[in-house]
C-alpha atoms as a PDB file:
ATOM      1  CA  MET A   1      -4.917  18.110  -5.047  1.00  0.00           C
ATOM      2  CA  GLU A   2      -3.594  18.075  -1.527  1.00  0.00           C
ATOM      3  CA  SER A   3      -4.891  18.433   1.979  1.00  0.00           C
ATOM      4  CA  SER A   4      -3.371  17.644   5.342  1.00  0.00           C
ATOM      5  CA  TYR A   5      -4.543  14.013   5.130  1.00  0.00           C
ATOM      6  CA  LEU A   6      -4.755  13.249   1.391  1.00  0.00           C
ATOM      7  CA  SER A   7      -2.757  13.908  -1.733  1.00  0.00           C
ATOM      8  CA  VAL A   8      -4.503  13.025  -5.013  1.00  0.00           C
ATOM      9  CA  GLY A   9      -2.747  12.887  -8.366  1.00  0.00           C
ATOM     10  CA  TYR A  10      -2.925  11.177 -11.729  1.00  0.00           C
ATOM     11  CA  ASN A  11      -0.491   8.815 -13.473  1.00  0.00           C
ATOM     12  CA  ARG A  12      -1.087   9.076 -17.226  1.00  0.00           C
ATOM     13  CA  GLU A  13       0.986   5.994 -18.088  1.00  0.00           C
ATOM     14  CA  LEU A  14      -1.137   3.820 -15.800  1.00  0.00           C
ATOM     15  CA  ASN A  15      -4.369   5.799 -16.342  1.00  0.00           C
ATOM     16  CA  ALA A  16      -4.666   5.670 -12.570  1.00  0.00           C
ATOM     17  CA  VAL A  17      -5.559   8.085  -9.814  1.00  0.00           C
ATOM     18  CA  ILE A  18      -2.946   7.945  -7.065  1.00  0.00           C
ATOM     19  CA  ALA A  19      -4.287   8.686  -3.583  1.00  0.00           C
ATOM     20  CA  SER A  20      -1.854   8.944  -0.669  1.00  0.00           C
ATOM     21  CA  TRP A  21      -3.562   9.074   2.727  1.00  0.00           C
ATOM     22  CA  SER A  22      -1.833  10.052   5.980  1.00  0.00           C
ATOM     23  CA  GLY A  23      -2.639  10.448   9.649  1.00  0.00           C
ATOM     24  CA  TYR A  24      -5.807   9.828  11.597  1.00  0.00           C
ATOM     25  CA  ILE A  25      -8.757  10.473   9.298  1.00  0.00           C
ATOM     26  CA  SER A  26     -12.263  11.158  10.572  1.00  0.00           C
ATOM     27  CA  ALA A  27     -15.329   9.756   8.786  1.00  0.00           C
ATOM     28  CA  ASP A  28     -16.108  13.199   7.334  1.00  0.00           C
ATOM     29  CA  GLU A  29     -12.538  13.622   6.082  1.00  0.00           C
ATOM     30  CA  ALA A  30     -12.559  10.118   4.586  1.00  0.00           C
ATOM     31  CA  LYS A  31     -15.825  10.821   2.755  1.00  0.00           C
ATOM     32  CA  SER A  32     -14.497  14.138   1.505  1.00  0.00           C
ATOM     33  CA  GLY A  33     -11.293  12.430   0.399  1.00  0.00           C
ATOM     34  CA  PHE A  34     -13.140   9.734  -1.501  1.00  0.00           C
ATOM     35  CA  GLU A  35     -15.171  12.444  -3.243  1.00  0.00           C
ATOM     36  CA  ARG A  36     -11.927  14.145  -4.312  1.00  0.00           C
ATOM     37  CA  ILE A  37     -10.688  10.829  -5.681  1.00  0.00           C
ATOM     38  CA  TRP A  38     -13.962  10.422  -7.603  1.00  0.00           C
ATOM     39  CA  GLU A  39     -13.684  13.952  -9.058  1.00  0.00           C
ATOM     40  CA  THR A  40     -10.097  13.343 -10.186  1.00  0.00           C
ATOM     41  CA  PHE A  41     -11.004   9.910 -11.546  1.00  0.00           C
ATOM     42  CA  ARG A  42     -13.887  11.389 -13.549  1.00  0.00           C
ATOM     43  CA  TYR A  43     -11.856  14.373 -14.799  1.00  0.00           C
ATOM     44  CA  TYR A  44      -9.061  12.191 -16.231  1.00  0.00           C
ATOM     45  CA  GLU A  45     -11.419   9.384 -17.302  1.00  0.00           C
ATOM     46  CA  ALA A  46      -9.206   6.982 -15.381  1.00  0.00           C
ATOM     47  CA  ASN A  47      -9.805   3.264 -14.984  1.00  0.00           C
ATOM     48  CA  TYR A  48      -7.704   2.461 -11.924  1.00  0.00           C
ATOM     49  CA  VAL A  49      -6.940   3.710  -8.434  1.00  0.00           C
ATOM     50  CA  ILE A  50      -3.767   3.175  -6.469  1.00  0.00           C
ATOM     51  CA  ALA A  51      -4.351   3.926  -2.796  1.00  0.00           C
ATOM     52  CA  ASP A  52      -1.260   4.383  -0.668  1.00  0.00           C
ATOM     53  CA  LEU A  53      -2.580   3.560   2.794  1.00  0.00           C
ATOM     54  CA  ARG A  54       0.735   3.067   4.601  1.00  0.00           C
ATOM     55  CA  ASP A  55       0.177   6.118   6.810  1.00  0.00           C
ATOM     56  CA  TYR A  56      -3.651   5.952   7.070  1.00  0.00           C
ATOM     57  CA  GLU A  57      -4.819   5.603  10.660  1.00  0.00           C
ATOM     58  CA  GLY A  58      -8.263   4.526  11.758  1.00  0.00           C
ATOM     59  CA  GLY A  59     -10.512   2.637   9.369  1.00  0.00           C
ATOM     60  CA  PHE A  60     -13.491   2.799   7.061  1.00  0.00           C
ATOM     61  CA  GLY A  61     -15.949   1.575   9.709  1.00  0.00           C
ATOM     62  CA  ALA A  62     -18.136   4.674   9.895  1.00  0.00           C
ATOM     63  CA  ILE A  63     -18.430   4.996   6.114  1.00  0.00           C
ATOM     64  CA  THR A  64     -18.489   1.349   5.030  1.00  0.00           C
ATOM     65  CA  GLN A  65     -22.181   1.416   4.134  1.00  0.00           C
ATOM     66  CA  TRP A  66     -21.726   4.651   2.156  1.00  0.00           C
ATOM     67  CA  LEU A  67     -18.741   3.137   0.310  1.00  0.00           C
ATOM     68  CA  ASP A  68     -20.707  -0.032  -0.534  1.00  0.00           C
ATOM     69  CA  GLU A  69     -24.014   1.559  -1.495  1.00  0.00           C
ATOM     70  CA  GLU A  70     -23.098   4.941  -2.978  1.00  0.00           C
ATOM     71  CA  TYR A  71     -19.415   5.426  -3.720  1.00  0.00           C
ATOM     72  CA  MET A  72     -18.453   2.136  -5.371  1.00  0.00           C
ATOM     73  CA  PRO A  73     -21.510   2.018  -7.697  1.00  0.00           C
ATOM     74  CA  LYS A  74     -20.839   5.551  -8.950  1.00  0.00           C
ATOM     75  CA  MET A  75     -17.136   4.729  -9.464  1.00  0.00           C
ATOM     76  CA  ILE A  76     -18.025   1.609 -11.461  1.00  0.00           C
ATOM     77  CA  LYS A  77     -20.501   3.621 -13.524  1.00  0.00           C
ATOM     78  CA  ILE A  78     -17.718   5.935 -14.742  1.00  0.00           C
ATOM     79  CA  GLY A  79     -15.213   3.191 -15.627  1.00  0.00           C
ATOM     80  CA  TYR A  80     -13.571   1.991 -12.397  1.00  0.00           C
ATOM     81  CA  GLN A  81     -11.900  -1.352 -13.106  1.00  0.00           C
ATOM     82  CA  ALA A  82      -9.527  -2.133 -10.239  1.00  0.00           C
ATOM     83  CA  CYS A  83      -7.795  -0.765  -7.155  1.00  0.00           C
ATOM     84  CA  ALA A  84      -4.314  -1.537  -5.891  1.00  0.00           C
ATOM     85  CA  ASN A  85      -3.894  -0.746  -2.196  1.00  0.00           C
ATOM     86  CA  VAL A  86      -0.533  -0.352  -0.482  1.00  0.00           C
ATOM     87  CA  MET A  87      -0.741  -2.093   2.882  1.00  0.00           C
ATOM     88  CA  PRO A  88      -1.496   0.162   5.841  1.00  0.00           C
ATOM     89  CA  GLU A  89       0.723  -0.017   8.901  1.00  0.00           C
ATOM     90  CA  ASP A  90      -2.211   0.762  11.209  1.00  0.00           C
ATOM     91  CA  PHE A  91      -3.826  -2.435  12.552  1.00  0.00           C
ATOM     92  CA  PHE A  92      -7.371  -1.070  12.534  1.00  0.00           C
ATOM     93  CA  MET A  93      -7.019   0.144   8.966  1.00  0.00           C
ATOM     94  CA  SER A  94      -5.674  -3.272   7.919  1.00  0.00           C
ATOM     95  CA  VAL A  95      -8.740  -4.968   9.409  1.00  0.00           C
ATOM     96  CA  SER A  96     -11.052  -2.424   7.787  1.00  0.00           C
ATOM     97  CA  LEU A  97      -9.355  -2.797   4.390  1.00  0.00           C
ATOM     98  CA  ASN A  98      -9.575  -6.588   4.585  1.00  0.00           C
ATOM     99  CA  ASP A  99     -13.301  -6.374   5.383  1.00  0.00           C
ATOM    100  CA  PHE A 100     -13.888  -3.929   2.526  1.00  0.00           C
ATOM    101  CA  GLN A 101     -11.920  -6.141   0.121  1.00  0.00           C
ATOM    102  CA  ASN A 102     -14.001  -9.190   1.081  1.00  0.00           C
ATOM    103  CA  LYS A 103     -17.277  -7.303   0.531  1.00  0.00           C
ATOM    104  CA  GLN A 104     -16.206  -6.070  -2.909  1.00  0.00           C
ATOM    105  CA  SER A 105     -14.871  -9.466  -4.000  1.00  0.00           C
ATOM    106  CA  GLY A 106     -16.273 -10.400  -7.394  1.00  0.00           C
ATOM    107  CA  ILE A 107     -17.427  -6.848  -8.159  1.00  0.00           C
ATOM    108  CA  VAL A 108     -14.178  -4.973  -8.769  1.00  0.00           C
ATOM    109  CA  PRO A 109     -10.719  -6.388  -8.096  1.00  0.00           C
ATOM    110  CA  LEU A 110      -9.101  -4.919  -5.013  1.00  0.00           C
ATOM    111  CA  ARG A 111      -5.629  -6.123  -4.136  1.00  0.00           C
ATOM    112  CA  VAL A 112      -3.319  -5.263  -1.264  1.00  0.00           C
ATOM    113  CA  PHE A 113       0.425  -4.948  -1.828  1.00  0.00           C
ATOM    114  CA  ALA A 114       3.405  -4.414   0.458  1.00  0.00           C
ATOM    115  CA  ASP A 115       4.798  -1.510  -1.576  1.00  0.00           C
ATOM    116  CA  LEU A 116       3.897   1.082  -4.189  1.00  0.00           C
ATOM    117  CA  ASN A 117       6.075  -0.394  -6.968  1.00  0.00           C
ATOM    118  CA  THR A 118       4.346  -3.775  -6.792  1.00  0.00           C
ATOM    119  CA  ALA A 119       0.933  -2.092  -6.817  1.00  0.00           C
ATOM    120  CA  GLN A 120       1.886  -0.090  -9.914  1.00  0.00           C
ATOM    121  CA  THR A 121       3.236  -3.220 -11.627  1.00  0.00           C
ATOM    122  CA  TRP A 122      -0.069  -5.007 -11.069  1.00  0.00           C
ATOM    123  CA  ILE A 123      -2.020  -2.117 -12.612  1.00  0.00           C
ATOM    124  CA  SER A 124       0.389  -2.107 -15.564  1.00  0.00           C
ATOM    125  CA  GLN A 125      -0.150  -5.850 -16.054  1.00  0.00           C
ATOM    126  CA  LEU A 126      -3.909  -5.351 -16.039  1.00  0.00           C
ATOM    127  CA  GLN A 127      -3.584  -2.770 -18.804  1.00  0.00           C
ATOM    128  CA  THR A 128      -1.483  -4.970 -21.038  1.00  0.00           C
ATOM    129  CA  SER A 129      -3.825  -7.930 -20.763  1.00  0.00           C
ATOM    130  CA  LYS A 130      -5.162  -8.552 -24.284  1.00  0.00           C
ATOM    131  CA  ASN A 131      -8.603  -9.814 -23.256  1.00  0.00           C
ATOM    132  CA  GLU A 132     -11.257  -7.970 -21.316  1.00  0.00           C
ATOM    133  CA  PRO A 133     -10.553  -9.747 -18.032  1.00  0.00           C
ATOM    134  CA  THR A 134     -13.168 -10.711 -15.510  1.00  0.00           C
ATOM    135  CA  PRO A 135     -12.668  -9.780 -11.844  1.00  0.00           C
ATOM    136  CA  ASP A 136     -11.511 -13.352 -11.108  1.00  0.00           C
ATOM    137  CA  ALA A 137      -8.976 -13.239 -13.942  1.00  0.00           C
ATOM    138  CA  LEU A 138      -7.710  -9.871 -12.715  1.00  0.00           C
ATOM    139  CA  ARG A 139      -7.124 -11.286  -9.243  1.00  0.00           C
ATOM    140  CA  ALA A 140      -5.001 -14.047 -10.757  1.00  0.00           C
ATOM    141  CA  VAL A 141      -2.647 -11.615 -12.546  1.00  0.00           C
ATOM    142  CA  ALA A 142      -0.671 -10.824  -9.437  1.00  0.00           C
END
């Protein structure tokens, strides 16, 4: 699925939805994009998300409450286990991502990586872990 600001795909090997964001994204577009990620995640019965935020401009500010109270709980309900984020270049998005990561700490592991390959490696390591890891154990993998 593609739009001018978001491309959403699925990586079978990683059982992960890959979301690549680009450009300045309004609150309505961000919400719509997150809904597309949820639909893809549910369709493939995925467990992970890899969000490529390198070209995302703006932030989550206007939808932070919606993400915390509505989106994340419904993602967790359908099997969401972790998210690997590729570091945004935009300063405001970096601040917003850091804030979001701190709020979700202990609920679902969210990690930020400098590049896509490292993010994918982390997801792969999570999958090969023999035990059902806790969020704290998942953070320690990388």
